[in-house]
Amino acid sequence: MAKSSTIIEPIPFRFFKNRRKDVVAVTLQAFTPAGKDPINVVDVRLFAMNKAGANVATVKGVTMAVNRLPDLAKAINKALAKAQELGLLDGGETE
């Protein structure tokens, strides 16, 4: 297997905005632990609008090594399938 490269700049994927203008973002980025080499991570984070009107990252979220992304996708796909099976999705919900 070829050696993976380190992500140079964060790659954001914003996909959700609610009535309060909070945003959930998925970002691929590099993280450098103290005294170690950088690792690529995926960060799923809530951004909230501050008083100045800018979206800022909150502590609500999860960050994991990018090699765990298939496990996260598998779990989300299982939750999606179950929600569809239970009729919980009507296609119009945004929150």
PDB file of N, CA and C in Angstrom:
ATOM      1  N   MET A   1       0.841  -1.163   0.000  1.00  0.00           N
ATOM      2  CA  MET A   1       0.000   0.000   0.000  1.00  0.00           C
ATOM      3  C   MET A   1       0.898   1.242   0.000  1.00  0.00           C
ATOM      4  N   ALA A   2       0.514   2.249  -0.757  1.00  0.00           N
ATOM      5  CA  ALA A   2       1.293   3.482  -0.835  1.00  0.00           C
ATOM      6  C   ALA A   2       1.146   4.277   0.456  1.00  0.00           C
ATOM      7  N   LYS A   3       2.207   4.986   0.808  1.00  0.00           N
ATOM      8  CA  LYS A   3       2.170   5.821   2.000  1.00  0.00           C
ATOM      9  C   LYS A   3       1.204   6.980   1.758  1.00  0.00           C
ATOM     10  N   SER A   4       0.346   7.243   2.738  1.00  0.00           N
ATOM     11  CA  SER A   4      -0.621   8.328   2.570  1.00  0.00           C
ATOM     12  C   SER A   4       0.057   9.668   2.793  1.00  0.00           C
ATOM     13  N   SER A   5      -0.500  10.680   2.172  1.00  0.00           N
ATOM     14  CA  SER A   5       0.050  12.017   2.337  1.00  0.00           C
ATOM     15  C   SER A   5      -0.721  12.760   3.418  1.00  0.00           C
ATOM     16  N   THR A   6      -0.094  13.775   3.970  1.00  0.00           N
ATOM     17  CA  THR A   6      -0.728  14.592   4.998  1.00  0.00           C
ATOM     18  C   THR A   6      -1.516  15.704   4.326  1.00  0.00           C
ATOM     19  N   ILE A   7      -2.706  15.943   4.810  1.00  0.00           N
ATOM     20  CA  ILE A   7      -3.551  17.012   4.280  1.00  0.00           C
ATOM     21  C   ILE A   7      -2.893  18.344   4.610  1.00  0.00           C
ATOM     22  N   ILE A   8      -2.712  19.184   3.600  1.00  0.00           N
ATOM     23  CA  ILE A   8      -2.044  20.475   3.783  1.00  0.00           C
ATOM     24  C   ILE A   8      -2.991  21.512   4.375  1.00  0.00           C
ATOM     25  N   GLU A   9      -4.183  21.640   3.803  1.00  0.00           N
ATOM     26  CA  GLU A   9      -5.172  22.607   4.283  1.00  0.00           C
ATOM     27  C   GLU A   9      -6.462  21.867   4.596  1.00  0.00           C
ATOM     28  N   PRO A  10      -7.231  22.340   5.599  1.00  0.00           N
ATOM     29  CA  PRO A  10      -8.506  21.700   5.917  1.00  0.00           C
ATOM     30  C   PRO A  10      -9.444  21.694   4.706  1.00  0.00           C
ATOM     31  N   ILE A  11     -10.195  20.609   4.562  1.00  0.00           N
ATOM     32  CA  ILE A  11     -11.173  20.472   3.483  1.00  0.00           C
ATOM     33  C   ILE A  11     -12.548  20.347   4.138  1.00  0.00           C
ATOM     34  N   PRO A  12     -13.329  21.445   4.173  1.00  0.00           N
ATOM     35  CA  PRO A  12     -14.623  21.408   4.860  1.00  0.00           C
ATOM     36  C   PRO A  12     -15.769  20.971   3.952  1.00  0.00           C
ATOM     37  N   PHE A  13     -16.733  20.285   4.554  1.00  0.00           N
ATOM     38  CA  PHE A  13     -17.976  19.901   3.895  1.00  0.00           C
ATOM     39  C   PHE A  13     -19.103  20.311   4.835  1.00  0.00           C
ATOM     40  N   ARG A  14     -19.681  21.477   4.607  1.00  0.00           N
ATOM     41  CA  ARG A  14     -20.781  21.932   5.465  1.00  0.00           C
ATOM     42  C   ARG A  14     -22.075  21.385   4.887  1.00  0.00           C
ATOM     43  N   PHE A  15     -22.880  20.769   5.750  1.00  0.00           N
ATOM     44  CA  PHE A  15     -24.056  20.121   5.194  1.00  0.00           C
ATOM     45  C   PHE A  15     -25.351  20.387   5.927  1.00  0.00           C
ATOM     46  N   PHE A  16     -25.351  21.158   6.979  1.00  0.00           N
ATOM     47  CA  PHE A  16     -26.568  21.300   7.762  1.00  0.00           C
ATOM     48  C   PHE A  16     -26.633  22.681   8.365  1.00  0.00           C
ATOM     49  N   LYS A  17     -27.772  23.292   8.273  1.00  0.00           N
ATOM     50  CA  LYS A  17     -27.981  24.587   8.911  1.00  0.00           C
ATOM     51  C   LYS A  17     -29.376  24.550   9.518  1.00  0.00           C
ATOM     52  N   ASN A  18     -29.499  24.969  10.774  1.00  0.00           N
ATOM     53  CA  ASN A  18     -30.821  24.968  11.388  1.00  0.00           C
ATOM     54  C   ASN A  18     -31.356  26.390  11.506  1.00  0.00           C
ATOM     55  N   ARG A  19     -32.473  26.520  12.145  1.00  0.00           N
ATOM     56  CA  ARG A  19     -33.118  27.837  12.237  1.00  0.00           C
ATOM     57  C   ARG A  19     -32.279  28.858  12.993  1.00  0.00           C
ATOM     58  N   ARG A  20     -31.439  28.385  13.890  1.00  0.00           N
ATOM     59  CA  ARG A  20     -30.578  29.315  14.636  1.00  0.00           C
ATOM     60  C   ARG A  20     -29.297  29.616  13.880  1.00  0.00           C
ATOM     61  N   LYS A  21     -29.193  29.092  12.688  1.00  0.00           N
ATOM     62  CA  LYS A  21     -28.029  29.296  11.827  1.00  0.00           C
ATOM     63  C   LYS A  21     -26.784  28.576  12.330  1.00  0.00           C
ATOM     64  N   ASP A  22     -27.003  27.545  13.150  1.00  0.00           N
ATOM     65  CA  ASP A  22     -25.889  26.683  13.524  1.00  0.00           C
ATOM     66  C   ASP A  22     -25.587  25.776  12.335  1.00  0.00           C
ATOM     67  N   VAL A  23     -24.354  25.356  12.201  1.00  0.00           N
ATOM     68  CA  VAL A  23     -23.926  24.536  11.070  1.00  0.00           C
ATOM     69  C   VAL A  23     -23.193  23.306  11.590  1.00  0.00           C
ATOM     70  N   VAL A  24     -23.501  22.153  11.028  1.00  0.00           N
ATOM     71  CA  VAL A  24     -22.708  20.959  11.283  1.00  0.00           C
ATOM     72  C   VAL A  24     -21.760  20.818  10.101  1.00  0.00           C
ATOM     73  N   ALA A  25     -20.485  20.670  10.387  1.00  0.00           N
ATOM     74  CA  ALA A  25     -19.487  20.565   9.327  1.00  0.00           C
ATOM     75  C   ALA A  25     -18.655  19.308   9.516  1.00  0.00           C
ATOM     76  N   VAL A  26     -18.327  18.693   8.403  1.00  0.00           N
ATOM     77  CA  VAL A  26     -17.392  17.569   8.379  1.00  0.00           C
ATOM     78  C   VAL A  26     -16.141  18.092   7.697  1.00  0.00           C
ATOM     79  N   THR A  27     -14.997  17.963   8.362  1.00  0.00           N
ATOM     80  CA  THR A  27     -13.749  18.506   7.821  1.00  0.00           C
ATOM     81  C   THR A  27     -12.658  17.448   7.835  1.00  0.00           C
ATOM     82  N   LEU A  28     -11.971  17.328   6.715  1.00  0.00           N
ATOM     83  CA  LEU A  28     -10.756  16.518   6.652  1.00  0.00           C
ATOM     84  C   LEU A  28      -9.596  17.462   6.887  1.00  0.00           C
ATOM     85  N   GLN A  29      -8.726  17.128   7.834  1.00  0.00           N
ATOM     86  CA  GLN A  29      -7.612  18.016   8.148  1.00  0.00           C
ATOM     87  C   GLN A  29      -6.486  17.238   8.811  1.00  0.00           C
ATOM     88  N   ALA A  30      -5.346  17.882   8.928  1.00  0.00           N
ATOM     89  CA  ALA A  30      -4.209  17.278   9.621  1.00  0.00           C
ATOM     90  C   ALA A  30      -4.210  17.748  11.070  1.00  0.00           C
ATOM     91  N   PHE A  31      -3.791  16.865  11.961  1.00  0.00           N
ATOM     92  CA  PHE A  31      -3.640  17.187  13.377  1.00  0.00           C
ATOM     93  C   PHE A  31      -2.248  16.731  13.786  1.00  0.00           C
ATOM     94  N   THR A  32      -1.539  17.590  14.502  1.00  0.00           N
ATOM     95  CA  THR A  32      -0.186  17.243  14.937  1.00  0.00           C
ATOM     96  C   THR A  32      -0.159  17.105  16.455  1.00  0.00           C
ATOM     97  N   PRO A  33      -0.141  15.865  16.963  1.00  0.00           N
ATOM     98  CA  PRO A  33      -0.020  15.671  18.409  1.00  0.00           C
ATOM     99  C   PRO A  33       1.345  16.172  18.887  1.00  0.00           C
ATOM    100  N   ALA A  34       1.412  16.605  20.119  1.00  0.00           N
ATOM    101  CA  ALA A  34       2.661  17.141  20.671  1.00  0.00           C
ATOM    102  C   ALA A  34       3.802  16.148  20.495  1.00  0.00           C
ATOM    103  N   GLY A  35       4.859  16.603  19.843  1.00  0.00           N
ATOM    104  CA  GLY A  35       6.058  15.796  19.672  1.00  0.00           C
ATOM    105  C   GLY A  35       5.939  14.647  18.687  1.00  0.00           C
ATOM    106  N   LYS A  36       4.883  14.621  17.889  1.00  0.00           N
ATOM    107  CA  LYS A  36       4.683  13.514  16.952  1.00  0.00           C
ATOM    108  C   LYS A  36       4.468  14.040  15.539  1.00  0.00           C
ATOM    109  N   ASP A  37       4.447  13.119  14.598  1.00  0.00           N
ATOM    110  CA  ASP A  37       4.171  13.469  13.210  1.00  0.00           C
ATOM    111  C   ASP A  37       2.685  13.772  13.034  1.00  0.00           C
ATOM    112  N   PRO A  38       2.344  14.601  12.046  1.00  0.00           N
ATOM    113  CA  PRO A  38       0.929  14.900  11.800  1.00  0.00           C
ATOM    114  C   PRO A  38       0.160  13.656  11.354  1.00  0.00           C
ATOM    115  N   ILE A  39      -1.114  13.618  11.718  1.00  0.00           N
ATOM    116  CA  ILE A  39      -2.005  12.555  11.252  1.00  0.00           C
ATOM    117  C   ILE A  39      -3.217  13.208  10.599  1.00  0.00           C
ATOM    118  N   ASN A  40      -3.799  12.520   9.632  1.00  0.00           N
ATOM    119  CA  ASN A  40      -5.019  13.005   8.996  1.00  0.00           C
ATOM    120  C   ASN A  40      -6.206  12.594   9.851  1.00  0.00           C
ATOM    121  N   VAL A  41      -7.132  13.534  10.053  1.00  0.00           N
ATOM    122  CA  VAL A  41      -8.314  13.274  10.868  1.00  0.00           C
ATOM    123  C   VAL A  41      -9.562  13.742  10.135  1.00  0.00           C
ATOM    124  N   VAL A  42     -10.697  13.199  10.562  1.00  0.00           N
ATOM    125  CA  VAL A  42     -11.999  13.699  10.141  1.00  0.00           C
ATOM    126  C   VAL A  42     -12.630  14.297  11.393  1.00  0.00           C
ATOM    127  N   ASP A  43     -13.160  15.505  11.246  1.00  0.00           N
ATOM    128  CA  ASP A  43     -13.775  16.223  12.363  1.00  0.00           C
ATOM    129  C   ASP A  43     -15.228  16.500  12.000  1.00  0.00           C
ATOM    130  N   VAL A  44     -16.158  16.059  12.839  1.00  0.00           N
ATOM    131  CA  VAL A  44     -17.580  16.352  12.673  1.00  0.00           C
ATOM    132  C   VAL A  44     -17.934  17.282  13.819  1.00  0.00           C
ATOM    133  N   ARG A  45     -18.253  18.530  13.516  1.00  0.00           N
ATOM    134  CA  ARG A  45     -18.343  19.547  14.554  1.00  0.00           C
ATOM    135  C   ARG A  45     -19.534  20.471  14.338  1.00  0.00           C
ATOM    136  N   LEU A  46     -20.133  20.914  15.454  1.00  0.00           N
ATOM    137  CA  LEU A  46     -21.173  21.935  15.430  1.00  0.00           C
ATOM    138  C   LEU A  46     -20.517  23.304  15.479  1.00  0.00           C
ATOM    139  N   PHE A  47     -20.910  24.162  14.568  1.00  0.00           N
ATOM    140  CA  PHE A  47     -20.489  25.559  14.566  1.00  0.00           C
ATOM    141  C   PHE A  47     -21.710  26.389  14.931  1.00  0.00           C
ATOM    142  N   ALA A  48     -21.547  27.349  15.845  1.00  0.00           N
ATOM    143  CA  ALA A  48     -22.649  28.196  16.284  1.00  0.00           C
ATOM    144  C   ALA A  48     -22.359  29.643  15.909  1.00  0.00           C
ATOM    145  N   MET A  49     -23.422  30.385  15.644  1.00  0.00           N
ATOM    146  CA  MET A  49     -23.263  31.783  15.289  1.00  0.00           C
ATOM    147  C   MET A  49     -22.991  32.596  16.557  1.00  0.00           C
ATOM    148  N   ASN A  50     -21.929  33.403  16.532  1.00  0.00           N
ATOM    149  CA  ASN A  50     -21.624  34.256  17.682  1.00  0.00           C
ATOM    150  C   ASN A  50     -22.317  35.606  17.531  1.00  0.00           C
ATOM    151  N   LYS A  51     -22.127  36.483  18.499  1.00  0.00           N
ATOM    152  CA  LYS A  51     -22.801  37.787  18.489  1.00  0.00           C
ATOM    153  C   LYS A  51     -22.391  38.653  17.311  1.00  0.00           C
ATOM    154  N   ALA A  52     -21.204  38.403  16.771  1.00  0.00           N
ATOM    155  CA  ALA A  52     -20.729  39.172  15.613  1.00  0.00           C
ATOM    156  C   ALA A  52     -21.276  38.605  14.301  1.00  0.00           C
ATOM    157  N   GLY A  53     -22.009  37.497  14.377  1.00  0.00           N
ATOM    158  CA  GLY A  53     -22.594  36.911  13.176  1.00  0.00           C
ATOM    159  C   GLY A  53     -21.705  35.917  12.454  1.00  0.00           C
ATOM    160  N   ALA A  54     -20.620  35.505  13.095  1.00  0.00           N
ATOM    161  CA  ALA A  54     -19.704  34.538  12.478  1.00  0.00           C
ATOM    162  C   ALA A  54     -19.932  33.154  13.079  1.00  0.00           C
ATOM    163  N   ASN A  55     -19.829  32.120  12.263  1.00  0.00           N
ATOM    164  CA  ASN A  55     -19.912  30.752  12.763  1.00  0.00           C
ATOM    165  C   ASN A  55     -18.571  30.358  13.359  1.00  0.00           C
ATOM    166  N   VAL A  56     -18.601  29.912  14.625  1.00  0.00           N
ATOM    167  CA  VAL A  56     -17.380  29.499  15.318  1.00  0.00           C
ATOM    168  C   VAL A  56     -17.551  28.064  15.817  1.00  0.00           C
ATOM    169  N   ALA A  57     -16.468  27.323  15.812  1.00  0.00           N
ATOM    170  CA  ALA A  57     -16.499  25.931  16.252  1.00  0.00           C
ATOM    171  C   ALA A  57     -16.848  25.843  17.729  1.00  0.00           C
ATOM    172  N   THR A  58     -17.645  24.838  18.078  1.00  0.00           N
ATOM    173  CA  THR A  58     -17.968  24.576  19.479  1.00  0.00           C
ATOM    174  C   THR A  58     -17.214  23.321  19.921  1.00  0.00           C
ATOM    175  N   VAL A  59     -17.362  22.971  21.187  1.00  0.00           N
ATOM    176  CA  VAL A  59     -16.740  21.744  21.698  1.00  0.00           C
ATOM    177  C   VAL A  59     -17.590  20.521  21.365  1.00  0.00           C
ATOM    178  N   LYS A  60     -18.772  20.744  20.795  1.00  0.00           N
ATOM    179  CA  LYS A  60     -19.674  19.643  20.467  1.00  0.00           C
ATOM    180  C   LYS A  60     -19.278  19.039  19.127  1.00  0.00           C
ATOM    181  N   GLY A  61     -18.723  17.859  19.190  1.00  0.00           N
ATOM    182  CA  GLY A  61     -18.304  17.186  17.970  1.00  0.00           C
ATOM    183  C   GLY A  61     -17.397  16.024  18.284  1.00  0.00           C
ATOM    184  N   VAL A  62     -16.888  15.431  17.234  1.00  0.00           N
ATOM    185  CA  VAL A  62     -15.998  14.288  17.383  1.00  0.00           C
ATOM    186  C   VAL A  62     -14.907  14.379  16.319  1.00  0.00           C
ATOM    187  N   THR A  63     -13.693  14.010  16.716  1.00  0.00           N
ATOM    188  CA  THR A  63     -12.555  13.966  15.796  1.00  0.00           C
ATOM    189  C   THR A  63     -11.928  12.585  15.907  1.00  0.00           C
ATOM    190  N   MET A  64     -11.644  11.988  14.754  1.00  0.00           N
ATOM    191  CA  MET A  64     -11.019  10.663  14.759  1.00  0.00           C
ATOM    192  C   MET A  64     -10.071  10.539  13.578  1.00  0.00           C
ATOM    193  N   ALA A  65      -9.161   9.583  13.672  1.00  0.00           N
ATOM    194  CA  ALA A  65      -8.233   9.332  12.570  1.00  0.00           C
ATOM    195  C   ALA A  65      -9.029   9.022  11.311  1.00  0.00           C
ATOM    196  N   VAL A  66      -8.562   9.546  10.191  1.00  0.00           N
ATOM    197  CA  VAL A  66      -9.289   9.398   8.931  1.00  0.00           C
ATOM    198  C   VAL A  66      -9.443   7.930   8.529  1.00  0.00           C
ATOM    199  N   ASN A  67      -8.568   7.062   9.004  1.00  0.00           N
ATOM    200  CA  ASN A  67      -8.716   5.641   8.664  1.00  0.00           C
ATOM    201  C   ASN A  67      -9.928   5.008   9.351  1.00  0.00           C
ATOM    202  N   ARG A  68     -10.571   5.728  10.278  1.00  0.00           N
ATOM    203  CA  ARG A  68     -11.814   5.259  10.917  1.00  0.00           C
ATOM    204  C   ARG A  68     -13.051   5.742  10.178  1.00  0.00           C
ATOM    205  N   LEU A  69     -12.869   6.550   9.131  1.00  0.00           N
ATOM    206  CA  LEU A  69     -13.986   7.103   8.367  1.00  0.00           C
ATOM    207  C   LEU A  69     -14.907   6.018   7.791  1.00  0.00           C
ATOM    208  N   PRO A  70     -14.390   4.908   7.273  1.00  0.00           N
ATOM    209  CA  PRO A  70     -15.306   3.854   6.798  1.00  0.00           C
ATOM    210  C   PRO A  70     -16.202   3.302   7.915  1.00  0.00           C
ATOM    211  N   ASP A  71     -15.671   3.195   9.140  1.00  0.00           N
ATOM    212  CA  ASP A  71     -16.479   2.719  10.268  1.00  0.00           C
ATOM    213  C   ASP A  71     -17.586   3.716  10.597  1.00  0.00           C
ATOM    214  N   LEU A  72     -17.257   5.004  10.572  1.00  0.00           N
ATOM    215  CA  LEU A  72     -18.249   6.050  10.832  1.00  0.00           C
ATOM    216  C   LEU A  72     -19.328   6.023   9.755  1.00  0.00           C
ATOM    217  N   ALA A  73     -18.918   5.922   8.495  1.00  0.00           N
ATOM    218  CA  ALA A  73     -19.878   5.881   7.389  1.00  0.00           C
ATOM    219  C   ALA A  73     -20.797   4.664   7.512  1.00  0.00           C
ATOM    220  N   LYS A  74     -20.233   3.526   7.894  1.00  0.00           N
ATOM    221  CA  LYS A  74     -21.027   2.305   8.056  1.00  0.00           C
ATOM    222  C   LYS A  74     -22.086   2.495   9.144  1.00  0.00           C
ATOM    223  N   ALA A  75     -21.696   3.084  10.277  1.00  0.00           N
ATOM    224  CA  ALA A  75     -22.639   3.311  11.376  1.00  0.00           C
ATOM    225  C   ALA A  75     -23.734   4.297  10.966  1.00  0.00           C
ATOM    226  N   ILE A  76     -23.355   5.357  10.264  1.00  0.00           N
ATOM    227  CA  ILE A  76     -24.343   6.345   9.811  1.00  0.00           C
ATOM    228  C   ILE A  76     -25.295   5.716   8.802  1.00  0.00           C
ATOM    229  N   ASN A  77     -24.772   4.905   7.895  1.00  0.00           N
ATOM    230  CA  ASN A  77     -25.632   4.238   6.912  1.00  0.00           C
ATOM    231  C   ASN A  77     -26.604   3.267   7.576  1.00  0.00           C
ATOM    232  N   LYS A  78     -26.160   2.577   8.643  1.00  0.00           N
ATOM    233  CA  LYS A  78     -27.063   1.698   9.389  1.00  0.00           C
ATOM    234  C   LYS A  78     -28.171   2.513  10.058  1.00  0.00           C
ATOM    235  N   ALA A  79     -27.802   3.659  10.653  1.00  0.00           N
ATOM    236  CA  ALA A  79     -28.799   4.523  11.288  1.00  0.00           C
ATOM    237  C   ALA A  79     -29.785   5.059  10.250  1.00  0.00           C
ATOM    238  N   LEU A  80     -29.294   5.431   9.087  1.00  0.00           N
ATOM    239  CA  LEU A  80     -30.150   5.918   8.007  1.00  0.00           C
ATOM    240  C   LEU A  80     -31.130   4.841   7.561  1.00  0.00           C
ATOM    241  N   ALA A  81     -30.631   3.629   7.361  1.00  0.00           N
ATOM    242  CA  ALA A  81     -31.499   2.533   6.931  1.00  0.00           C
ATOM    243  C   ALA A  81     -32.582   2.258   7.972  1.00  0.00           C
ATOM    244  N   LYS A  82     -32.219   2.277   9.249  1.00  0.00           N
ATOM    245  CA  LYS A  82     -33.196   2.019  10.313  1.00  0.00           C
ATOM    246  C   LYS A  82     -34.225   3.139  10.383  1.00  0.00           C
ATOM    247  N   ALA A  83     -33.778   4.385  10.257  1.00  0.00           N
ATOM    248  CA  ALA A  83     -34.704   5.525  10.271  1.00  0.00           C
ATOM    249  C   ALA A  83     -35.682   5.429   9.102  1.00  0.00           C
ATOM    250  N   GLN A  84     -35.201   5.014   7.933  1.00  0.00           N
ATOM    251  CA  GLN A  84     -36.080   4.840   6.774  1.00  0.00           C
ATOM    252  C   GLN A  84     -37.060   3.699   7.015  1.00  0.00           C
ATOM    253  N   GLU A  85     -36.568   2.605   7.572  1.00  0.00           N
ATOM    254  CA  GLU A  85     -37.418   1.447   7.867  1.00  0.00           C
ATOM    255  C   GLU A  85     -38.540   1.820   8.835  1.00  0.00           C
ATOM    256  N   LEU A  86     -38.236   2.674   9.803  1.00  0.00           N
ATOM    257  CA  LEU A  86     -39.217   3.086  10.808  1.00  0.00           C
ATOM    258  C   LEU A  86     -40.093   4.241  10.343  1.00  0.00           C
ATOM    259  N   GLY A  87     -39.845   4.737   9.127  1.00  0.00           N
ATOM    260  CA  GLY A  87     -40.649   5.845   8.602  1.00  0.00           C
ATOM    261  C   GLY A  87     -40.356   7.172   9.272  1.00  0.00           C
ATOM    262  N   LEU A  88     -39.159   7.323   9.790  1.00  0.00           N
ATOM    263  CA  LEU A  88     -38.807   8.545  10.508  1.00  0.00           C
ATOM    264  C   LEU A  88     -38.403   9.683   9.585  1.00  0.00           C
ATOM    265  N   LEU A  89     -38.124   9.379   8.334  1.00  0.00           N
ATOM    266  CA  LEU A  89     -37.696  10.402   7.383  1.00  0.00           C
ATOM    267  C   LEU A  89     -38.813  10.655   6.388  1.00  0.00           C
ATOM    268  N   ASP A  90     -39.221  11.915   6.299  1.00  0.00           N
ATOM    269  CA  ASP A  90     -40.253  12.241   5.318  1.00  0.00           C
ATOM    270  C   ASP A  90     -39.689  13.065   4.168  1.00  0.00           C
ATOM    271  N   GLY A  91     -38.379  13.317   4.205  1.00  0.00           N
ATOM    272  CA  GLY A  91     -37.740  14.071   3.140  1.00  0.00           C
ATOM    273  C   GLY A  91     -37.768  15.566   3.340  1.00  0.00           C
ATOM    274  N   GLY A  92     -38.562  16.067   4.273  1.00  0.00           N
ATOM    275  CA  GLY A  92     -38.680  17.508   4.445  1.00  0.00           C
ATOM    276  C   GLY A  92     -38.057  18.044   5.711  1.00  0.00           C
ATOM    277  N   GLU A  93     -37.638  17.157   6.611  1.00  0.00           N
ATOM    278  CA  GLU A  93     -37.060  17.620   7.869  1.00  0.00           C
ATOM    279  C   GLU A  93     -35.678  18.197   7.641  1.00  0.00           C
ATOM    280  N   THR A  94     -35.391  19.315   8.331  1.00  0.00           N
ATOM    281  CA  THR A  94     -34.080  19.941   8.202  1.00  0.00           C
ATOM    282  C   THR A  94     -33.368  20.015   9.528  1.00  0.00           C
ATOM    283  N   GLU A  95     -33.945  19.516  10.594  1.00  0.00           N
ATOM    284  CA  GLU A  95     -33.291  19.551  11.903  1.00  0.00           C
ATOM    285  C   GLU A  95     -33.196  18.179  12.498  1.00  0.00           C
TER     286      GLU A  95
END
